[in-house]
Structures are given as structure tokens and as C-alpha cells.
């Protein structure tokens, strides 16, 4: 829980309200003594992360990790593939 003095609360009220909206409670103090507390009106609910939101939308082939291995190796080695179409200079 964060504690601020009255001057800071007046100066930075918008920022403090943003913090309250994010679930932080803020205590306002006068001469070092707590006077009031800013707290959210409703409990802050963090959005739940969904696992697998695209489940069933597409199929991954069983051999997805084996295609084009020779092309990937050629790119790492800096060599060209023989079956790649050549571009002609004009």
C-alpha cells in the first residue's frame, strides 16, 4: 500500500487514480498520519489468459519440421540451391 502526503495527492491525482484502477490502494496522510484511503470501487479483475485460442482452427502437418531442411542449410551456409529459379540481369 502506497502512502502519499496531501500535496502529492493533489499534484498527482490522475496518476494515483490510475494506480488505484490497477489494484493499488493509496493512503493519503497529513503530517505523516493516515487520513484517507483511495481504493477501487469494484474489485479489480485481471483478464484471464486463454490457452489455445486457435485450437481447431488449423492443422499442423506431422512433418512440419522436416520440410526444406536443405534450403535452410543452404541459407546458413551462404550457398545457392540448384533448383531455385535464376533471375536474369537486364
PDB file of N, CA and C in Angstrom:
ATOM      1  N   UNK A   1       0.861  -1.176   0.000  1.00  0.00           N
ATOM      2  CA  UNK A   1       0.000   0.000   0.000  1.00  0.00           C
ATOM      3  C   UNK A   1       0.901   1.231   0.000  1.00  0.00           C
ATOM      4  N   UNK A   2       0.607   2.124  -0.899  1.00  0.00           N
ATOM      5  CA  UNK A   2       1.404   3.336  -1.073  1.00  0.00           C
ATOM      6  C   UNK A   2       0.834   4.460  -0.206  1.00  0.00           C
ATOM      7  N   UNK A   3       1.715   5.257   0.406  1.00  0.00           N
ATOM      8  CA  UNK A   3       1.288   6.406   1.209  1.00  0.00           C
ATOM      9  C   UNK A   3       1.858   7.678   0.597  1.00  0.00           C
ATOM     10  N   UNK A   4       0.991   8.691   0.424  1.00  0.00           N
ATOM     11  CA  UNK A   4       1.423   9.984  -0.115  1.00  0.00           C
ATOM     12  C   UNK A   4       0.906  11.091   0.788  1.00  0.00           C
ATOM     13  N   UNK A   5       1.578  12.257   0.744  1.00  0.00           N
ATOM     14  CA  UNK A   5       1.080  13.392   1.525  1.00  0.00           C
ATOM     15  C   UNK A   5       0.020  14.135   0.709  1.00  0.00           C
ATOM     16  N   UNK A   6      -0.650  15.072   1.343  1.00  0.00           N
ATOM     17  CA  UNK A   6      -1.753  15.780   0.694  1.00  0.00           C
ATOM     18  C   UNK A   6      -1.279  16.537  -0.542  1.00  0.00           C
ATOM     19  N   UNK A   7      -0.147  17.192  -0.458  1.00  0.00           N
ATOM     20  CA  UNK A   7       0.372  17.943  -1.606  1.00  0.00           C
ATOM     21  C   UNK A   7       0.594  17.012  -2.798  1.00  0.00           C
ATOM     22  N   UNK A   8       1.221  15.874  -2.566  1.00  0.00           N
ATOM     23  CA  UNK A   8       1.469  14.926  -3.662  1.00  0.00           C
ATOM     24  C   UNK A   8       0.153  14.392  -4.224  1.00  0.00           C
ATOM     25  N   UNK A   9      -0.824  14.149  -3.351  1.00  0.00           N
ATOM     26  CA  UNK A   9      -2.123  13.652  -3.806  1.00  0.00           C
ATOM     27  C   UNK A   9      -2.813  14.669  -4.711  1.00  0.00           C
ATOM     28  N   UNK A  10      -2.753  15.957  -4.343  1.00  0.00           N
ATOM     29  CA  UNK A  10      -3.370  16.994  -5.177  1.00  0.00           C
ATOM     30  C   UNK A  10      -2.625  17.156  -6.492  1.00  0.00           C
ATOM     31  N   UNK A  11      -1.315  17.074  -6.438  1.00  0.00           N
ATOM     32  CA  UNK A  11      -0.496  17.283  -7.632  1.00  0.00           C
ATOM     33  C   UNK A  11      -0.605  16.122  -8.614  1.00  0.00           C
ATOM     34  N   UNK A  12      -0.708  14.906  -8.102  1.00  0.00           N
ATOM     35  CA  UNK A  12      -0.650  13.717  -8.954  1.00  0.00           C
ATOM     36  C   UNK A  12      -1.914  12.863  -8.856  1.00  0.00           C
ATOM     37  N   UNK A  13      -3.066  13.495  -8.696  1.00  0.00           N
ATOM     38  CA  UNK A  13      -4.300  12.739  -8.502  1.00  0.00           C
ATOM     39  C   UNK A  13      -4.600  11.805  -9.675  1.00  0.00           C
ATOM     40  N   UNK A  14      -4.408  12.264 -10.902  1.00  0.00           N
ATOM     41  CA  UNK A  14      -4.699  11.411 -12.063  1.00  0.00           C
ATOM     42  C   UNK A  14      -3.840  10.151 -12.049  1.00  0.00           C
ATOM     43  N   UNK A  15      -2.555  10.303 -11.766  1.00  0.00           N
ATOM     44  CA  UNK A  15      -1.649   9.150 -11.716  1.00  0.00           C
ATOM     45  C   UNK A  15      -2.054   8.206 -10.587  1.00  0.00           C
ATOM     46  N   UNK A  16      -2.418   8.773  -9.446  1.00  0.00           N
ATOM     47  CA  UNK A  16      -2.831   7.942  -8.314  1.00  0.00           C
ATOM     48  C   UNK A  16      -4.111   7.168  -8.635  1.00  0.00           C
ATOM     49  N   UNK A  17      -5.049   7.815  -9.329  1.00  0.00           N
ATOM     50  CA  UNK A  17      -6.282   7.124  -9.712  1.00  0.00           C
ATOM     51  C   UNK A  17      -5.995   5.986 -10.684  1.00  0.00           C
ATOM     52  N   UNK A  18      -5.039   6.182 -11.576  1.00  0.00           N
ATOM     53  CA  UNK A  18      -4.646   5.106 -12.490  1.00  0.00           C
ATOM     54  C   UNK A  18      -4.099   3.922 -11.701  1.00  0.00           C
ATOM     55  N   UNK A  19      -3.289   4.206 -10.699  1.00  0.00           N
ATOM     56  CA  UNK A  19      -2.739   3.141  -9.861  1.00  0.00           C
ATOM     57  C   UNK A  19      -3.849   2.415  -9.106  1.00  0.00           C
ATOM     58  N   UNK A  20      -4.839   3.175  -8.633  1.00  0.00           N
ATOM     59  CA  UNK A  20      -5.970   2.571  -7.928  1.00  0.00           C
ATOM     60  C   UNK A  20      -6.753   1.671  -8.884  1.00  0.00           C
ATOM     61  N   UNK A  21      -6.961   2.126 -10.113  1.00  0.00           N
ATOM     62  CA  UNK A  21      -7.669   1.310 -11.105  1.00  0.00           C
ATOM     63  C   UNK A  21      -6.927   0.010 -11.392  1.00  0.00           C
ATOM     64  N   UNK A  22      -5.621   0.013 -11.218  1.00  0.00           N
ATOM     65  CA  UNK A  22      -4.812  -1.183 -11.460  1.00  0.00           C
ATOM     66  C   UNK A  22      -4.708  -2.071 -10.227  1.00  0.00           C
ATOM     67  N   UNK A  23      -5.412  -1.703  -9.157  1.00  0.00           N
ATOM     68  CA  UNK A  23      -5.471  -2.560  -7.984  1.00  0.00           C
ATOM     69  C   UNK A  23      -4.668  -2.105  -6.780  1.00  0.00           C
ATOM     70  N   UNK A  24      -3.961  -1.006  -6.897  1.00  0.00           N
ATOM     71  CA  UNK A  24      -3.139  -0.496  -5.784  1.00  0.00           C
ATOM     72  C   UNK A  24      -4.019   0.368  -4.874  1.00  0.00           C
ATOM     73  N   UNK A  25      -3.879   0.220  -3.568  1.00  0.00           N
ATOM     74  CA  UNK A  25      -4.531   1.125  -2.621  1.00  0.00           C
ATOM     75  C   UNK A  25      -3.548   2.239  -2.283  1.00  0.00           C
ATOM     76  N   UNK A  26      -4.062   3.461  -2.131  1.00  0.00           N
ATOM     77  CA  UNK A  26      -3.215   4.616  -1.830  1.00  0.00           C
ATOM     78  C   UNK A  26      -3.753   5.289  -0.571  1.00  0.00           C
ATOM     79  N   UNK A  27      -2.864   5.506   0.394  1.00  0.00           N
ATOM     80  CA  UNK A  27      -3.237   6.196   1.632  1.00  0.00           C
ATOM     81  C   UNK A  27      -2.755   7.635   1.533  1.00  0.00           C
ATOM     82  N   UNK A  28      -3.639   8.575   1.887  1.00  0.00           N
ATOM     83  CA  UNK A  28      -3.276   9.993   1.911  1.00  0.00           C
ATOM     84  C   UNK A  28      -3.061  10.379   3.371  1.00  0.00           C
ATOM     85  N   UNK A  29      -1.893  10.977   3.625  1.00  0.00           N
ATOM     86  CA  UNK A  29      -1.527  11.321   5.006  1.00  0.00           C
ATOM     87  C   UNK A  29      -1.358  12.827   5.157  1.00  0.00           C
ATOM     88  N   UNK A  30      -1.663  13.315   6.372  1.00  0.00           N
ATOM     89  CA  UNK A  30      -1.420  14.720   6.727  1.00  0.00           C
ATOM     90  C   UNK A  30      -0.470  14.700   7.920  1.00  0.00           C
ATOM     91  N   UNK A  31       0.638  15.378   7.764  1.00  0.00           N
ATOM     92  CA  UNK A  31       1.665  15.417   8.817  1.00  0.00           C
ATOM     93  C   UNK A  31       2.092  14.005   9.217  1.00  0.00           C
ATOM     94  N   UNK A  32       2.154  13.110   8.227  1.00  0.00           N
ATOM     95  CA  UNK A  32       2.615  11.752   8.475  1.00  0.00           C
ATOM     96  C   UNK A  32       1.581  10.804   9.050  1.00  0.00           C
ATOM     97  N   UNK A  33       0.349  11.309   9.302  1.00  0.00           N
ATOM     98  CA  UNK A  33      -0.699  10.456   9.863  1.00  0.00           C
ATOM     99  C   UNK A  33      -1.737  10.141   8.785  1.00  0.00           C
ATOM    100  N   UNK A  34      -2.086   8.877   8.599  1.00  0.00           N
ATOM    101  CA  UNK A  34      -3.077   8.498   7.583  1.00  0.00           C
ATOM    102  C   UNK A  34      -4.423   9.173   7.830  1.00  0.00           C
ATOM    103  N   UNK A  35      -4.986   9.751   6.764  1.00  0.00           N
ATOM    104  CA  UNK A  35      -6.270  10.441   6.859  1.00  0.00           C
ATOM    105  C   UNK A  35      -7.325   9.753   5.993  1.00  0.00           C
ATOM    106  N   UNK A  36      -6.936   9.315   4.807  1.00  0.00           N
ATOM    107  CA  UNK A  36      -7.899   8.727   3.875  1.00  0.00           C
ATOM    108  C   UNK A  36      -7.208   7.649   3.040  1.00  0.00           C
ATOM    109  N   UNK A  37      -8.054   6.792   2.458  1.00  0.00           N
ATOM    110  CA  UNK A  37      -7.515   5.755   1.585  1.00  0.00           C
ATOM    111  C   UNK A  37      -8.259   5.787   0.254  1.00  0.00           C
ATOM    112  N   UNK A  38      -7.509   5.788  -0.849  1.00  0.00           N
ATOM    113  CA  UNK A  38      -8.096   5.653  -2.181  1.00  0.00           C
ATOM    114  C   UNK A  38      -8.075   4.170  -2.520  1.00  0.00           C
ATOM    115  N   UNK A  39      -9.237   3.642  -2.847  1.00  0.00           N
ATOM    116  CA  UNK A  39      -9.337   2.229  -3.207  1.00  0.00           C
ATOM    117  C   UNK A  39     -10.355   2.087  -4.328  1.00  0.00           C
ATOM    118  N   UNK A  40     -10.209   1.078  -5.142  1.00  0.00           N
ATOM    119  CA  UNK A  40     -11.117   0.880  -6.278  1.00  0.00           C
ATOM    120  C   UNK A  40     -12.534   0.600  -5.774  1.00  0.00           C
ATOM    121  N   UNK A  41     -13.532   1.092  -6.508  1.00  0.00           N
ATOM    122  CA  UNK A  41     -14.930   0.878  -6.136  1.00  0.00           C
ATOM    123  C   UNK A  41     -15.335  -0.582  -6.313  1.00  0.00           C
ATOM    124  N   UNK A  42     -14.822  -1.216  -7.342  1.00  0.00           N
ATOM    125  CA  UNK A  42     -15.112  -2.630  -7.566  1.00  0.00           C
ATOM    126  C   UNK A  42     -13.796  -3.385  -7.564  1.00  0.00           C
ATOM    127  N   UNK A  43     -13.826  -4.633  -7.196  1.00  0.00           N
ATOM    128  CA  UNK A  43     -12.580  -5.398  -7.217  1.00  0.00           C
ATOM    129  C   UNK A  43     -11.979  -5.412  -8.620  1.00  0.00           C
ATOM    130  N   UNK A  44     -10.693  -5.253  -8.678  1.00  0.00           N
ATOM    131  CA  UNK A  44     -10.002  -5.248  -9.959  1.00  0.00           C
ATOM    132  C   UNK A  44      -9.818  -6.688 -10.407  1.00  0.00           C
ATOM    133  N   UNK A  45     -10.336  -6.992 -11.597  1.00  0.00           N
ATOM    134  CA  UNK A  45     -10.184  -8.333 -12.140  1.00  0.00           C
ATOM    135  C   UNK A  45      -9.165  -8.291 -13.264  1.00  0.00           C
ATOM    136  N   UNK A  46      -8.145  -9.089 -13.121  1.00  0.00           N
ATOM    137  CA  UNK A  46      -7.162  -9.181 -14.188  1.00  0.00           C
ATOM    138  C   UNK A  46      -7.720 -10.117 -15.249  1.00  0.00           C
ATOM    139  N   UNK A  47      -7.573  -9.754 -16.520  1.00  0.00           N
ATOM    140  CA  UNK A  47      -8.098 -10.634 -17.565  1.00  0.00           C
ATOM    141  C   UNK A  47      -7.382 -11.983 -17.535  1.00  0.00           C
ATOM    142  N   UNK A  48      -8.154 -13.038 -17.660  1.00  0.00           N
ATOM    143  CA  UNK A  48      -7.573 -14.374 -17.663  1.00  0.00           C
ATOM    144  C   UNK A  48      -7.028 -14.672 -19.049  1.00  0.00           C
ATOM    145  N   UNK A  49      -5.846 -15.243 -19.065  1.00  0.00           N
ATOM    146  CA  UNK A  49      -5.241 -15.618 -20.336  1.00  0.00           C
ATOM    147  C   UNK A  49      -5.832 -16.946 -20.778  1.00  0.00           C
ATOM    148  N   UNK A  50      -6.263 -16.971 -22.017  1.00  0.00           N
ATOM    149  CA  UNK A  50      -6.819 -18.198 -22.569  1.00  0.00           C
ATOM    150  C   UNK A  50      -5.707 -19.011 -23.202  1.00  0.00           C
ATOM    151  N   UNK A  51      -5.683 -20.277 -22.895  1.00  0.00           N
ATOM    152  CA  UNK A  51      -4.727 -21.165 -23.530  1.00  0.00           C
ATOM    153  C   UNK A  51      -5.377 -21.774 -24.766  1.00  0.00           C
ATOM    154  N   UNK A  52      -4.647 -21.789 -25.850  1.00  0.00           N
ATOM    155  CA  UNK A  52      -5.133 -22.423 -27.070  1.00  0.00           C
ATOM    156  C   UNK A  52      -6.294 -21.727 -27.740  1.00  0.00           C
ATOM    157  N   UNK A  53      -6.282 -20.399 -27.893  1.00  0.00           N
ATOM    158  CA  UNK A  53      -7.435 -19.728 -28.501  1.00  0.00           C
ATOM    159  C   UNK A  53      -7.659 -20.118 -29.962  1.00  0.00           C
ATOM    160  N   UNK A  54      -6.649 -20.661 -30.635  1.00  0.00           N
ATOM    161  CA  UNK A  54      -6.810 -21.058 -32.040  1.00  0.00           C
ATOM    162  C   UNK A  54      -6.973 -22.567 -32.194  1.00  0.00           C
ATOM    163  N   UNK A  55      -7.189 -23.267 -31.100  1.00  0.00           N
ATOM    164  CA  UNK A  55      -7.350 -24.717 -31.167  1.00  0.00           C
ATOM    165  C   UNK A  55      -8.464 -25.076 -32.142  1.00  0.00           C
ATOM    166  N   UNK A  56      -8.150 -25.994 -33.058  1.00  0.00           N
ATOM    167  CA  UNK A  56      -9.140 -26.450 -34.027  1.00  0.00           C
ATOM    168  C   UNK A  56      -9.273 -25.565 -35.250  1.00  0.00           C
ATOM    169  N   UNK A  57      -8.566 -24.456 -35.323  1.00  0.00           N
ATOM    170  CA  UNK A  57      -8.683 -23.532 -36.449  1.00  0.00           C
ATOM    171  C   UNK A  57      -7.813 -23.934 -37.638  1.00  0.00           C
ATOM    172  N   UNK A  58      -6.746 -24.664 -37.391  1.00  0.00           N
ATOM    173  CA  UNK A  58      -5.885 -25.127 -38.479  1.00  0.00           C
ATOM    174  C   UNK A  58      -5.183 -26.398 -38.045  1.00  0.00           C
ATOM    175  N   UNK A  59      -4.617 -27.094 -39.030  1.00  0.00           N
ATOM    176  CA  UNK A  59      -3.934 -28.346 -38.751  1.00  0.00           C
ATOM    177  C   UNK A  59      -2.462 -28.199 -39.096  1.00  0.00           C
ATOM    178  N   UNK A  60      -1.602 -28.663 -38.210  1.00  0.00           N
ATOM    179  CA  UNK A  60      -0.165 -28.642 -38.448  1.00  0.00           C
ATOM    180  C   UNK A  60       0.229 -30.023 -38.954  1.00  0.00           C
ATOM    181  N   UNK A  61       0.836 -30.100 -40.136  1.00  0.00           N
ATOM    182  CA  UNK A  61       1.232 -31.406 -40.670  1.00  0.00           C
ATOM    183  C   UNK A  61       2.247 -32.085 -39.750  1.00  0.00           C
ATOM    184  N   UNK A  62       2.213 -33.412 -39.732  1.00  0.00           N
ATOM    185  CA  UNK A  62       3.144 -34.162 -38.886  1.00  0.00           C
ATOM    186  C   UNK A  62       4.596 -33.898 -39.256  1.00  0.00           C
ATOM    187  N   UNK A  63       4.859 -33.583 -40.525  1.00  0.00           N
ATOM    188  CA  UNK A  63       6.236 -33.378 -40.980  1.00  0.00           C
ATOM    189  C   UNK A  63       6.600 -31.892 -41.110  1.00  0.00           C
ATOM    190  N   UNK A  64       5.919 -31.025 -40.343  1.00  0.00           N
ATOM    191  CA  UNK A  64       6.157 -29.589 -40.500  1.00  0.00           C
ATOM    192  C   UNK A  64       7.606 -29.196 -40.238  1.00  0.00           C
ATOM    193  N   UNK A  65       8.304 -29.952 -39.420  1.00  0.00           N
ATOM    194  CA  UNK A  65       9.671 -29.577 -39.081  1.00  0.00           C
ATOM    195  C   UNK A  65      10.726 -30.247 -39.962  1.00  0.00           C
ATOM    196  N   UNK A  66      10.296 -30.962 -40.990  1.00  0.00           N
ATOM    197  CA  UNK A  66      11.274 -31.623 -41.861  1.00  0.00           C
ATOM    198  C   UNK A  66      11.331 -31.018 -43.252  1.00  0.00           C
ATOM    199  N   UNK A  67      10.360 -30.223 -43.633  1.00  0.00           N
ATOM    200  CA  UNK A  67      10.384 -29.660 -44.978  1.00  0.00           C
ATOM    201  C   UNK A  67      11.463 -28.601 -45.105  1.00  0.00           C
ATOM    202  N   UNK A  68      12.038 -28.542 -46.247  1.00  0.00           N
ATOM    203  CA  UNK A  68      13.008 -27.513 -46.645  1.00  0.00           C
ATOM    204  C   UNK A  68      14.273 -27.499 -45.794  1.00  0.00           C
ATOM    205  N   UNK A  69      14.657 -28.623 -45.228  1.00  0.00           N
ATOM    206  CA  UNK A  69      15.879 -28.651 -44.434  1.00  0.00           C
ATOM    207  C   UNK A  69      17.093 -28.301 -45.286  1.00  0.00           C
ATOM    208  N   UNK A  70      17.108 -28.792 -46.540  1.00  0.00           N
ATOM    209  CA  UNK A  70      18.245 -28.488 -47.408  1.00  0.00           C
ATOM    210  C   UNK A  70      18.311 -27.004 -47.746  1.00  0.00           C
ATOM    211  N   UNK A  71      17.157 -26.380 -47.910  1.00  0.00           N
ATOM    212  CA  UNK A  71      17.144 -24.947 -48.208  1.00  0.00           C
ATOM    213  C   UNK A  71      17.601 -24.137 -46.994  1.00  0.00           C
ATOM    214  N   UNK A  72      17.167 -24.518 -45.827  1.00  0.00           N
ATOM    215  CA  UNK A  72      17.595 -23.822 -44.610  1.00  0.00           C
ATOM    216  C   UNK A  72      19.099 -23.967 -44.433  1.00  0.00           C
ATOM    217  N   UNK A  73      19.605 -25.177 -44.642  1.00  0.00           N
ATOM    218  CA  UNK A  73      21.047 -25.403 -44.523  1.00  0.00           C
ATOM    219  C   UNK A  73      21.803 -24.562 -45.539  1.00  0.00           C
ATOM    220  N   UNK A  74      21.288 -24.476 -46.771  1.00  0.00           N
ATOM    221  CA  UNK A  74      21.944 -23.680 -47.808  1.00  0.00           C
ATOM    222  C   UNK A  74      21.979 -22.204 -47.423  1.00  0.00           C
ATOM    223  N   UNK A  75      20.909 -21.701 -46.812  1.00  0.00           N
ATOM    224  CA  UNK A  75      20.888 -20.296 -46.401  1.00  0.00           C
ATOM    225  C   UNK A  75      21.921 -20.035 -45.311  1.00  0.00           C
ATOM    226  N   UNK A  76      22.054 -20.962 -44.370  1.00  0.00           N
ATOM    227  CA  UNK A  76      23.056 -20.790 -43.318  1.00  0.00           C
ATOM    228  C   UNK A  76      24.469 -20.848 -43.874  1.00  0.00           C
ATOM    229  N   UNK A  77      24.665 -21.708 -44.862  1.00  0.00           N
ATOM    230  CA  UNK A  77      25.994 -21.877 -45.448  1.00  0.00           C
ATOM    231  C   UNK A  77      26.316 -20.786 -46.459  1.00  0.00           C
ATOM    232  N   UNK A  78      25.298 -20.060 -46.884  1.00  0.00           N
ATOM    233  CA  UNK A  78      25.508 -18.995 -47.857  1.00  0.00           C
ATOM    234  C   UNK A  78      25.583 -19.488 -49.284  1.00  0.00           C
ATOM    235  N   UNK A  79      25.173 -20.710 -49.527  1.00  0.00           N
ATOM    236  CA  UNK A  79      25.205 -21.249 -50.887  1.00  0.00           C
ATOM    237  C   UNK A  79      23.818 -21.175 -51.504  1.00  0.00           C
ATOM    238  N   UNK A  80      23.771 -21.255 -52.819  1.00  0.00           N
ATOM    239  CA  UNK A  80      22.502 -21.213 -53.545  1.00  0.00           C
ATOM    240  C   UNK A  80      22.024 -22.631 -53.806  1.00  0.00           C
ATOM    241  N   UNK A  81      20.752 -22.812 -53.942  1.00  0.00           N
ATOM    242  CA  UNK A  81      20.189 -24.115 -54.298  1.00  0.00           C
ATOM    243  C   UNK A  81      20.152 -24.236 -55.804  1.00  0.00           C
ATOM    244  N   UNK A  82      20.389 -25.441 -56.304  1.00  0.00           N
ATOM    245  CA  UNK A  82      20.408 -25.676 -57.744  1.00  0.00           C
ATOM    246  C   UNK A  82      19.021 -25.541 -58.349  1.00  0.00           C
ATOM    247  N   UNK A  83      17.977 -25.885 -57.609  1.00  0.00           N
ATOM    248  CA  UNK A  83      16.631 -25.860 -58.188  1.00  0.00           C
ATOM    249  C   UNK A  83      15.927 -24.519 -58.010  1.00  0.00           C
ATOM    250  N   UNK A  84      16.583 -23.518 -57.479  1.00  0.00           N
ATOM    251  CA  UNK A  84      15.984 -22.199 -57.312  1.00  0.00           C
ATOM    252  C   UNK A  84      16.057 -21.465 -58.648  1.00  0.00           C
ATOM    253  N   UNK A  85      14.967 -20.856 -59.110  1.00  0.00           N
ATOM    254  CA  UNK A  85      14.997 -20.156 -60.405  1.00  0.00           C
ATOM    255  C   UNK A  85      16.000 -19.007 -60.381  1.00  0.00           C
ATOM    256  N   UNK A  86      16.712 -18.892 -61.450  1.00  0.00           N
ATOM    257  CA  UNK A  86      17.699 -17.817 -61.582  1.00  0.00           C
ATOM    258  C   UNK A  86      17.000 -16.547 -62.054  1.00  0.00           C
ATOM    259  N   UNK A  87      17.476 -15.411 -61.634  1.00  0.00           N
ATOM    260  CA  UNK A  87      16.960 -14.136 -62.128  1.00  0.00           C
ATOM    261  C   UNK A  87      17.955 -13.604 -63.132  1.00  0.00           C
ATOM    262  N   UNK A  88      17.446 -13.080 -64.202  1.00  0.00           N
ATOM    263  CA  UNK A  88      18.351 -12.573 -65.234  1.00  0.00           C
ATOM    264  C   UNK A  88      18.553 -11.082 -65.060  1.00  0.00           C
ATOM    265  N   UNK A  89      19.774 -10.663 -65.281  1.00  0.00           N
ATOM    266  CA  UNK A  89      20.091  -9.235 -65.194  1.00  0.00           C
ATOM    267  C   UNK A  89      19.710  -8.579 -66.500  1.00  0.00           C
ATOM    268  N   UNK A  90      19.081  -7.456 -66.453  1.00  0.00           N
ATOM    269  CA  UNK A  90      18.675  -6.752 -67.674  1.00  0.00           C
ATOM    270  C   UNK A  90      19.349  -5.435 -67.753  1.00  0.00           C
TER     271      UNK A  90
END
